Amino acid sequence: MSSGAADIEALLREAFSPVDPPADLMARLEHTLVNLTELAQEELEAWELSTMKDPRNWVRPAAAVMIGAGAGTALVVLRVRSRARARRQLPSNLLDLAGRTAHDVADEARRIIRN
């Protein structure tokens, strides 16, 4: 029975071995988030204030706000994390790291809002 247990262990090791993500995963994710943000922005720009009298018309703008905010936030986090990975090689204290991260978040948020 010990050979059966060894086989199961080998199968489990093989099944749980680390898998590297595709090289272009970050670029594809960023592209998708940018597209979602732009689509939500276009939906809000096409929205007419006169149609808001009827509550049935509130769904599309509300969805556009939620999707745009979520995609924009995810985009900021993604870009700040990629900058933080590059910066980890530089020696810094915790306060400096927090300051740089806050600065990066503000820069990325401004960049996304401008577009």
Protein backbone atom coordinates (compact mmCIF):
# COMPACT_ATOMS: atom_id res chain seq x y z
CA MET A 1 0.00 0.00 0.00
CA SER A 2 2.92 2.36 0.43
CA SER A 3 3.44 2.52 -3.34
CA GLY A 4 -0.21 3.65 -3.71
CA ALA A 5 0.38 6.41 -1.15
CA ALA A 6 3.55 7.44 -2.97
CA ASP A 7 1.62 7.60 -6.24
CA ILE A 8 -1.02 9.82 -4.66
CA GLU A 9 1.71 12.05 -3.20
CA ALA A 10 3.35 12.35 -6.61
CA LEU A 11 0.03 13.18 -8.24
CA LEU A 12 -0.71 15.82 -5.61
CA ARG A 13 2.75 17.37 -5.99
CA GLU A 14 2.24 17.52 -9.74
CA ALA A 15 -1.27 18.96 -9.41
CA PHE A 16 -0.20 21.67 -6.97
CA SER A 17 3.03 22.68 -8.66
CA PRO A 18 3.29 26.44 -9.25
CA VAL A 19 2.15 27.71 -12.63
CA ASP A 20 3.47 30.98 -13.99
CA PRO A 21 0.86 33.29 -15.53
CA PRO A 22 1.19 34.15 -19.22
CA ALA A 23 3.73 36.88 -19.92
CA ASP A 24 1.14 39.23 -21.41
CA LEU A 25 -1.45 38.79 -18.66
CA MET A 26 -0.79 42.18 -17.05
CA ALA A 27 -0.96 43.97 -20.41
CA ARG A 28 -4.23 42.24 -21.33
CA LEU A 29 -5.75 42.99 -17.92
CA GLU A 30 -4.73 46.65 -18.12
CA HIS A 31 -6.13 46.91 -21.66
CA THR A 32 -9.45 45.40 -20.54
CA LEU A 33 -9.71 47.77 -17.56
CA VAL A 34 -8.95 50.78 -19.76
CA ASN A 35 -11.65 49.67 -22.22
CA LEU A 36 -14.21 49.23 -19.43
CA THR A 37 -13.41 52.66 -18.02
CA GLU A 38 -13.72 54.29 -21.45
CA LEU A 39 -17.01 52.50 -22.22
CA ALA A 40 -18.48 53.61 -18.90
CA GLN A 41 -17.34 57.17 -19.57
CA GLU A 42 -18.92 57.12 -23.04
CA GLU A 43 -22.18 55.79 -21.59
CA LEU A 44 -22.28 58.61 -19.05
CA GLU A 45 -21.48 61.22 -21.69
CA ALA A 46 -24.37 59.98 -23.85
CA TRP A 47 -26.76 60.13 -20.89
CA GLU A 48 -29.45 62.80 -21.02
CA LEU A 49 -30.55 64.51 -17.83
CA SER A 50 -34.13 64.85 -19.07
CA THR A 51 -34.58 61.07 -19.06
CA MET A 52 -33.87 60.83 -15.34
CA LYS A 53 -37.43 61.74 -14.39
CA ASP A 54 -38.41 58.10 -14.87
CA PRO A 55 -36.69 55.77 -12.34
CA ARG A 56 -36.59 52.99 -14.95
CA ASN A 57 -33.93 55.00 -16.76
CA TRP A 58 -31.59 55.05 -13.75
CA VAL A 59 -30.19 51.56 -14.29
CA ARG A 60 -27.79 52.26 -17.16
CA PRO A 61 -26.16 55.36 -15.65
CA ALA A 62 -25.90 53.67 -12.25
CA ALA A 63 -24.28 50.61 -13.83
CA ALA A 64 -21.91 52.82 -15.82
CA VAL A 65 -20.86 54.64 -12.65
CA MET A 66 -20.26 51.39 -10.77
CA ILE A 67 -18.39 49.71 -13.63
CA GLY A 68 -16.32 52.80 -14.36
CA ALA A 69 -15.41 53.32 -10.73
CA GLY A 70 -14.54 49.67 -10.24
CA ALA A 71 -12.45 49.42 -13.40
CA GLY A 72 -10.74 52.74 -12.69
CA THR A 73 -9.89 51.69 -9.14
CA ALA A 74 -8.57 48.33 -10.33
CA LEU A 75 -6.48 50.09 -12.97
CA VAL A 76 -4.95 52.42 -10.37
CA VAL A 77 -4.16 49.47 -8.09
CA LEU A 78 -2.64 47.48 -10.95
CA ARG A 79 -0.36 50.32 -12.05
CA VAL A 80 0.67 51.24 -8.51
CA ARG A 81 1.52 47.60 -7.73
CA SER A 82 3.69 47.34 -10.84
CA ARG A 83 5.57 50.47 -9.79
CA ALA A 84 5.92 49.14 -6.26
CA ARG A 85 7.46 45.89 -7.55
CA ALA A 86 10.10 47.86 -9.41
CA ARG A 87 10.73 50.03 -6.37
CA ARG A 88 11.15 47.12 -3.92
CA GLN A 89 14.70 46.74 -5.08
CA LEU A 90 15.48 50.22 -3.79
CA PRO A 91 16.22 50.48 -0.07
CA SER A 92 13.58 52.51 1.74
CA ASN A 93 11.85 52.69 5.08
CA LEU A 94 8.16 52.10 5.64
CA LEU A 95 7.27 55.80 5.80
CA ASP A 96 9.04 56.47 2.49
CA LEU A 97 7.27 53.52 0.88
CA ALA A 98 3.86 54.72 2.11
CA GLY A 99 4.55 58.23 0.82
CA ARG A 100 5.62 57.00 -2.60
CA THR A 101 2.61 54.70 -2.83
CA ALA A 102 0.22 57.53 -1.94
CA HIS A 103 1.91 59.74 -4.53
CA ASP A 104 1.62 57.01 -7.20
CA VAL A 105 -2.08 56.48 -6.40
CA ALA A 106 -2.77 60.20 -6.74
CA ASP A 107 -0.83 60.39 -10.04
CA GLU A 108 -2.62 57.41 -11.57
CA ALA A 109 -6.04 58.62 -10.41
CA ARG A 110 -5.39 62.03 -12.00
CA ARG A 111 -4.23 60.38 -15.22
CA ILE A 112 -7.35 58.19 -15.45
CA ILE A 113 -9.74 61.03 -14.59
CA ARG A 114 -8.18 63.28 -17.25
CA ASN A 115 -8.74 60.67 -19.96
